[in-house]
Protein backbone atom coordinates (compact mmCIF):
# COMPACT_ATOMS: atom_id res chain seq x y z
CA MET A 1 3.23 -11.08 -24.31
CA SER A 2 6.05 -12.22 -22.71
CA TRP A 3 5.67 -10.48 -19.52
CA LEU A 4 2.71 -12.53 -18.77
CA VAL A 5 4.65 -15.73 -18.97
CA VAL A 6 6.95 -14.25 -16.28
CA ALA A 7 3.79 -13.30 -14.17
CA ARG A 8 2.17 -16.73 -14.47
CA LYS A 9 5.56 -18.62 -13.28
CA ASP A 10 6.00 -15.98 -10.54
CA PHE A 11 2.45 -16.56 -9.36
CA GLU A 12 2.65 -20.38 -9.72
CA ASP A 13 5.85 -20.50 -7.90
CA ALA A 14 4.32 -18.63 -5.10
CA VAL A 15 1.49 -21.19 -4.75
CA ARG A 16 4.11 -23.81 -4.84
CA SER A 17 6.10 -22.09 -1.93
CA ARG A 18 2.92 -21.88 0.21
CA MET A 19 3.60 -18.14 0.26
CA LEU A 20 -0.06 -17.30 -1.17
CA TRP A 21 -1.55 -19.59 1.56
CA VAL A 22 0.60 -17.68 4.42
CA ILE A 23 -0.40 -14.34 3.10
CA THR A 24 -3.78 -15.25 2.78
CA ALA A 25 -4.08 -16.40 6.30
CA VAL A 26 -2.31 -13.49 7.99
CA PHE A 27 -4.76 -10.98 6.27
CA LEU A 28 -7.87 -13.29 6.95
CA LEU A 29 -6.84 -13.42 10.57
CA PHE A 30 -6.25 -9.70 11.07
CA SER A 31 -9.39 -8.60 8.94
CA VAL A 32 -11.94 -10.63 11.01
CA GLY A 33 -10.10 -10.07 14.13
CA ALA A 34 -10.29 -6.44 13.59
CA VAL A 35 -14.15 -6.49 13.18
CA TYR A 36 -14.49 -8.66 16.24
CA VAL A 37 -12.21 -6.54 18.22
CA ARG A 38 -14.22 -3.25 16.89
CA LYS A 39 -17.48 -4.95 18.07
CA ALA A 40 -16.24 -5.97 21.46
CA ILE A 41 -14.79 -2.21 22.34
CA LEU A 42 -17.84 -0.15 20.90
CA GLY A 43 -20.57 -2.49 20.52
CA ASP A 44 -23.10 -1.17 17.80
CA ALA A 45 -21.99 2.33 18.14
CA PRO A 46 -21.49 4.26 15.93
CA GLY A 47 -22.32 1.59 13.53
CA LEU A 48 -21.78 -0.17 10.51
CA PRO A 49 -20.17 2.24 8.33
CA ASP A 50 -17.37 3.00 11.10
CA ALA A 51 -16.95 -0.92 11.57
CA THR A 52 -16.50 -1.01 7.75
CA GLN A 53 -13.84 1.64 7.51
CA PHE A 54 -12.11 0.46 10.65
CA LEU A 55 -10.79 -2.46 8.32
CA THR A 56 -8.34 0.23 7.14
CA SER A 57 -6.33 0.37 10.49
CA PRO A 58 -4.99 -3.30 10.30
CA ALA A 59 -4.39 -3.08 6.67
CA SER A 60 -2.50 0.08 7.01
CA LEU A 61 0.05 -2.11 8.80
CA ILE A 62 -0.36 -5.91 7.69
CA ILE A 63 -0.50 -4.96 3.90
CA PRO A 64 2.57 -3.04 3.68
CA LEU A 65 4.45 -5.41 5.86
CA THR A 66 3.58 -8.51 3.84
CA ALA A 67 3.59 -6.81 0.55
CA LEU A 68 7.10 -5.67 1.03
CA VAL A 69 8.14 -9.22 2.21
CA VAL A 70 6.38 -10.86 -0.62
CA ALA A 71 8.13 -8.89 -3.51
CA TYR A 72 11.37 -7.54 -1.94
CA LEU A 73 13.32 -10.69 -3.46
CA ALA A 74 11.61 -11.01 -6.56
CA ILE A 75 14.62 -9.59 -8.72
CA ALA A 76 17.39 -9.06 -6.43
CA GLY A 77 16.96 -12.66 -5.31
CA GLU A 78 17.31 -14.15 -8.70
CA ARG A 79 20.09 -11.39 -9.56
CA GLU A 80 22.47 -12.82 -6.42
CA SER A 81 21.43 -16.53 -7.04
CA GLY A 82 22.32 -16.40 -11.05
CA SER A 83 18.80 -17.51 -11.93
CA ILE A 84 18.28 -14.15 -13.87
CA LYS A 85 20.66 -15.08 -16.39
CA ILE A 86 18.50 -18.11 -17.25
CA LEU A 87 15.26 -16.27 -17.31
CA LEU A 88 16.69 -13.49 -19.54
CA GLY A 89 18.00 -16.21 -21.74
CA LEU A 90 14.53 -16.93 -22.74
CA PRO A 91 13.05 -14.41 -24.95
CA HIS A 92 12.22 -11.94 -22.04
CA THR A 93 13.49 -8.50 -22.06
CA ARG A 94 14.44 -6.81 -18.74
CA ALA A 95 10.91 -4.80 -19.04
CA ASP A 96 9.09 -8.33 -19.29
CA VAL A 97 10.67 -9.37 -16.15
CA VAL A 98 10.14 -6.12 -14.17
CA LEU A 99 6.50 -5.83 -15.32
CA GLY A 100 6.00 -9.81 -14.97
CA LYS A 101 7.29 -9.73 -11.28
CA LEU A 102 5.02 -6.97 -10.52
CA VAL A 103 1.86 -8.58 -11.80
CA GLY A 104 2.84 -12.07 -10.10
CA ARG A 105 3.42 -10.62 -6.72
CA THR A 106 0.28 -8.34 -7.09
CA LEU A 107 -1.82 -11.56 -7.73
CA VAL A 108 -0.37 -12.77 -4.64
CA VAL A 109 -1.33 -9.86 -2.36
CA THR A 110 -4.60 -9.54 -4.32
CA VAL A 111 -5.90 -13.02 -3.75
CA GLY A 112 -5.07 -12.37 0.14
CA ILE A 113 -6.79 -9.23 0.30
CA PHE A 114 -9.99 -10.41 -1.51
CA VAL A 115 -10.14 -13.89 0.75
CA ALA A 116 -9.71 -11.39 3.86
CA PHE A 117 -11.92 -8.83 2.91
CA ALA A 118 -14.74 -12.07 1.92
CA GLY A 119 -14.11 -13.13 5.60
CA ALA A 120 -14.51 -9.68 6.99
CA ALA A 121 -17.77 -9.40 4.86
CA VAL A 122 -19.24 -12.38 6.49
CA THR A 123 -18.23 -11.25 9.77
CA LEU A 124 -20.00 -7.93 9.45
CA LEU A 125 -22.95 -9.63 8.14
CA ALA A 126 -23.05 -11.87 11.22
CA LEU A 127 -22.56 -9.07 13.63
CA PHE A 128 -24.53 -6.49 12.23
CA GLY A 129 -26.91 -8.20 10.08
CA GLU A 130 -26.41 -6.20 7.18
CA LEU A 131 -23.77 -4.89 4.86
CA ALA A 132 -22.97 -1.89 2.78
CA VAL A 133 -22.19 -3.66 -0.46
CA VAL A 134 -21.06 -0.67 -2.63
CA ASP A 135 -19.23 0.80 0.03
CA PHE A 136 -17.30 -2.40 0.93
CA LEU A 137 -16.69 -3.23 -2.60
CA LEU A 138 -14.96 0.14 -3.21
CA LEU A 139 -12.85 -0.11 0.11
CA THR A 140 -11.83 -3.65 -1.17
CA LEU A 141 -10.55 -2.38 -4.49
CA LEU A 142 -8.92 0.55 -2.91
CA THR A 143 -7.08 -1.76 -0.47
CA VAL A 144 -6.15 -3.57 -3.59
CA LEU A 145 -4.68 -0.56 -4.96
CA PHE A 146 -2.98 0.03 -1.60
CA GLY A 147 -1.31 -3.26 -1.58
CA LEU A 148 -0.34 -2.96 -5.29
CA THR A 149 1.33 0.53 -4.26
CA TYR A 150 3.57 -1.46 -1.48
CA VAL A 151 4.36 -4.28 -4.13
CA GLY A 152 5.39 -1.43 -6.59
CA ILE A 153 7.77 0.04 -3.95
CA ALA A 154 9.22 -3.55 -3.06
CA ILE A 155 9.61 -4.24 -6.97
CA GLY A 156 11.36 -0.93 -7.40
CA ALA A 157 13.79 -1.66 -4.66
CA SER A 158 14.60 -5.03 -5.85
CA SER A 159 15.15 -4.08 -9.53
CA PHE A 160 17.31 -1.33 -7.94
CA ALA A 161 19.28 -3.65 -5.77
CA ALA A 162 22.13 -5.88 -6.95
CA THR A 163 21.90 -8.12 -3.73
CA ARG A 164 19.50 -9.59 -1.26
CA SER A 165 20.80 -7.60 1.52
CA ARG A 166 20.58 -4.37 -0.18
CA ALA A 167 17.13 -5.14 -1.26
CA MET A 168 15.99 -6.06 2.16
CA ALA A 169 17.71 -2.81 3.66
CA LEU A 170 15.37 -0.86 0.89
CA ALA A 171 12.48 -2.94 2.01
CA ILE A 172 12.89 -2.09 5.77
CA GLY A 173 13.74 1.19 5.28
CA ALA A 174 10.75 1.91 3.53
CA PHE A 175 8.51 0.35 5.87
CA PHE A 176 9.98 2.28 8.72
CA LEU A 177 9.89 5.53 6.80
CA PHE A 178 6.24 5.36 6.07
CA GLN A 179 5.08 3.66 9.39
CA VAL A 180 7.11 5.51 11.77
CA LEU A 181 9.69 8.40 10.57
CA TRP A 182 7.22 10.23 8.10
CA ASN A 183 4.93 11.37 11.06
CA ILE A 184 8.01 13.39 12.10
CA VAL A 185 8.72 14.97 8.73
CA PRO A 186 5.56 17.45 8.44
CA LEU A 187 6.49 18.67 12.39
CA GLY A 188 9.92 19.10 11.28
CA VAL A 189 9.45 21.12 8.38
CA TYR A 190 6.87 22.84 10.27
CA TYR A 191 9.29 23.97 12.84
CA LEU A 192 11.69 25.26 10.56
CA VAL A 193 9.71 27.19 8.48
CA GLU A 194 7.18 28.62 11.66
CA GLY A 195 9.68 28.26 14.47
CA GLY A 196 7.64 26.30 16.52
CA LEU A 197 4.95 23.20 16.48
CA PRO A 198 1.48 23.44 15.32
CA THR A 199 -1.14 24.40 18.21
CA GLY A 200 -4.82 23.86 18.10
CA ALA A 201 -6.72 22.51 14.59
CA SER A 202 -7.03 25.69 12.89
CA GLY A 203 -4.36 28.16 11.11
CA ILE A 204 -2.17 25.35 9.78
CA PRO A 205 -0.90 25.81 6.34
CA ALA A 206 -1.99 23.64 3.57
CA TRP A 207 1.25 22.48 2.74
CA TYR A 208 1.57 20.67 5.93
CA TYR A 209 -1.30 18.57 4.93
CA LEU A 210 0.20 17.90 1.68
CA LEU A 211 3.32 16.39 3.44
CA GLN A 212 1.09 14.20 5.43
CA VAL A 213 -0.75 12.97 2.37
CA LEU A 214 2.42 12.10 0.54
CA ASN A 215 2.81 9.14 2.84
CA PRO A 216 0.88 6.13 1.26
CA ASN A 217 -0.40 5.00 4.41
CA ASN A 218 -2.09 8.39 5.02
CA ALA A 219 -3.04 8.64 1.22
CA TYR A 220 -4.76 5.34 1.77
CA SER A 221 -6.67 6.44 4.77
CA GLN A 222 -7.72 9.66 3.01
CA ALA A 223 -8.96 8.04 0.09
CA ALA A 224 -10.92 5.79 2.36
CA ASP A 225 -12.99 8.85 3.31
CA LEU A 226 -13.52 9.34 -0.24
CA VAL A 227 -15.68 5.89 0.06
CA PHE A 228 -17.28 7.01 3.17
CA SER A 229 -17.39 10.74 3.14
CA GLY A 230 -17.63 11.67 -0.29
CA ALA A 231 -15.35 13.94 -2.31
CA GLY A 232 -14.88 16.80 -0.11
CA PRO A 233 -11.58 18.13 1.34
CA MET A 234 -9.99 16.48 4.48
CA VAL A 235 -9.98 19.72 6.29
CA SER A 236 -12.32 22.74 6.31
CA ALA A 237 -11.39 26.35 4.95
CA GLU A 238 -11.69 27.43 8.37
CA ALA A 239 -8.99 25.10 9.55
CA LEU A 240 -6.23 26.26 7.01
CA ALA A 241 -4.17 29.28 7.12
CA GLY A 242 -5.69 30.62 3.96
CA SER A 243 -9.01 31.58 2.31
CA SER A 244 -9.09 28.45 -0.27
CA VAL A 245 -8.83 24.59 0.07
CA PRO A 246 -6.34 23.61 -2.40
CA PHE A 247 -6.90 20.34 -4.33
CA TYR A 248 -4.22 18.30 -2.68
CA VAL A 249 -6.51 18.27 0.60
CA GLN A 250 -9.45 16.79 -1.46
CA ASN A 251 -9.87 13.25 -0.44
CA TRP A 252 -9.46 11.99 -3.90
CA PHE A 253 -6.04 13.18 -4.13
CA GLY A 254 -5.19 10.14 -1.76
CA LEU A 255 -5.58 8.04 -5.07
CA VAL A 256 -3.26 10.42 -6.89
CA VAL A 257 -0.56 9.74 -4.41
CA LEU A 258 -1.05 5.92 -4.31
CA VAL A 259 -0.78 5.85 -8.00
CA GLY A 260 2.60 7.87 -8.04
CA TRP A 261 4.10 5.46 -5.10
CA LEU A 262 3.03 2.63 -7.59
CA VAL A 263 4.78 4.02 -10.63
CA ALA A 264 7.81 6.05 -9.34
CA PRO A 265 9.67 3.54 -7.56
CA VAL A 266 8.93 0.75 -10.42
CA LEU A 267 10.32 3.22 -13.13
CA LEU A 268 13.27 4.02 -11.13
CA GLY A 269 13.92 0.49 -10.14
CA TYR A 270 13.59 -0.59 -14.06
CA TRP A 271 16.04 2.26 -15.23
CA ARG A 272 18.80 1.08 -12.71
CA PHE A 273 17.94 -2.80 -13.64
CA GLU A 274 18.03 -1.97 -17.42
CA ARG A 275 21.66 -0.60 -17.05
CA ALA A 276 22.91 -3.03 -14.70
CA ASP A 277 25.76 -5.39 -15.46
CA LEU A 278 24.50 -8.79 -14.60
CA GLY A 279 27.69 -10.64 -15.67
């Protein structure tokens, strides 16, 4: 499988360039630091489950940023330097290159997440004297999926863009869209539809929550509730402007959104890359 060769070389290049070690150190610092900060502020209350779930807070900021930085030049950088022609001169198809780069950069982010969460597990054990192993492992795997989602967004941007600067613009745009601007989208749509802003926590239409969860960061938080709160809805029927709770406000729907944001940008980027003139 040719894409495995591309993935292996891409991962080895990341190790040699110390990218892997930098990413791992950043993840470890913020994960362990988050546990200590939460303990310092709240003490033992409300307890271990809350402290474990609190890891999603730094992860929601650090993982998107680092995953985008790790992957946004994976293909666009080689296109601009011309080395992509050498790579494609070997028995690799463009699909092999896209998939191999996706896997290689995912491995870099995944190693960093595993090391960081291992450090967080040790810290939780030291501070609380116990660890909810199953919940912690599920949260770790969910965080890997979250990282993979942003690697997919970055690889899609890198495949779509012809130059480093365009790939950077797409990556920066994606970061600010999901970290800052997206929070305004549901409010703006609500204002256009309802003629005002939502007040209170009840009577809000279900589509408002759908717009919120389509942000991969919010989808990650909603899926984390699946680990700690079960498969129930993110809001009750009483809080909605309707008599039923639609499927997209169920906690499991966050997983669907994450997979969607992983697949769609990669497919779009590959479609553009497959048709690009590299001459």
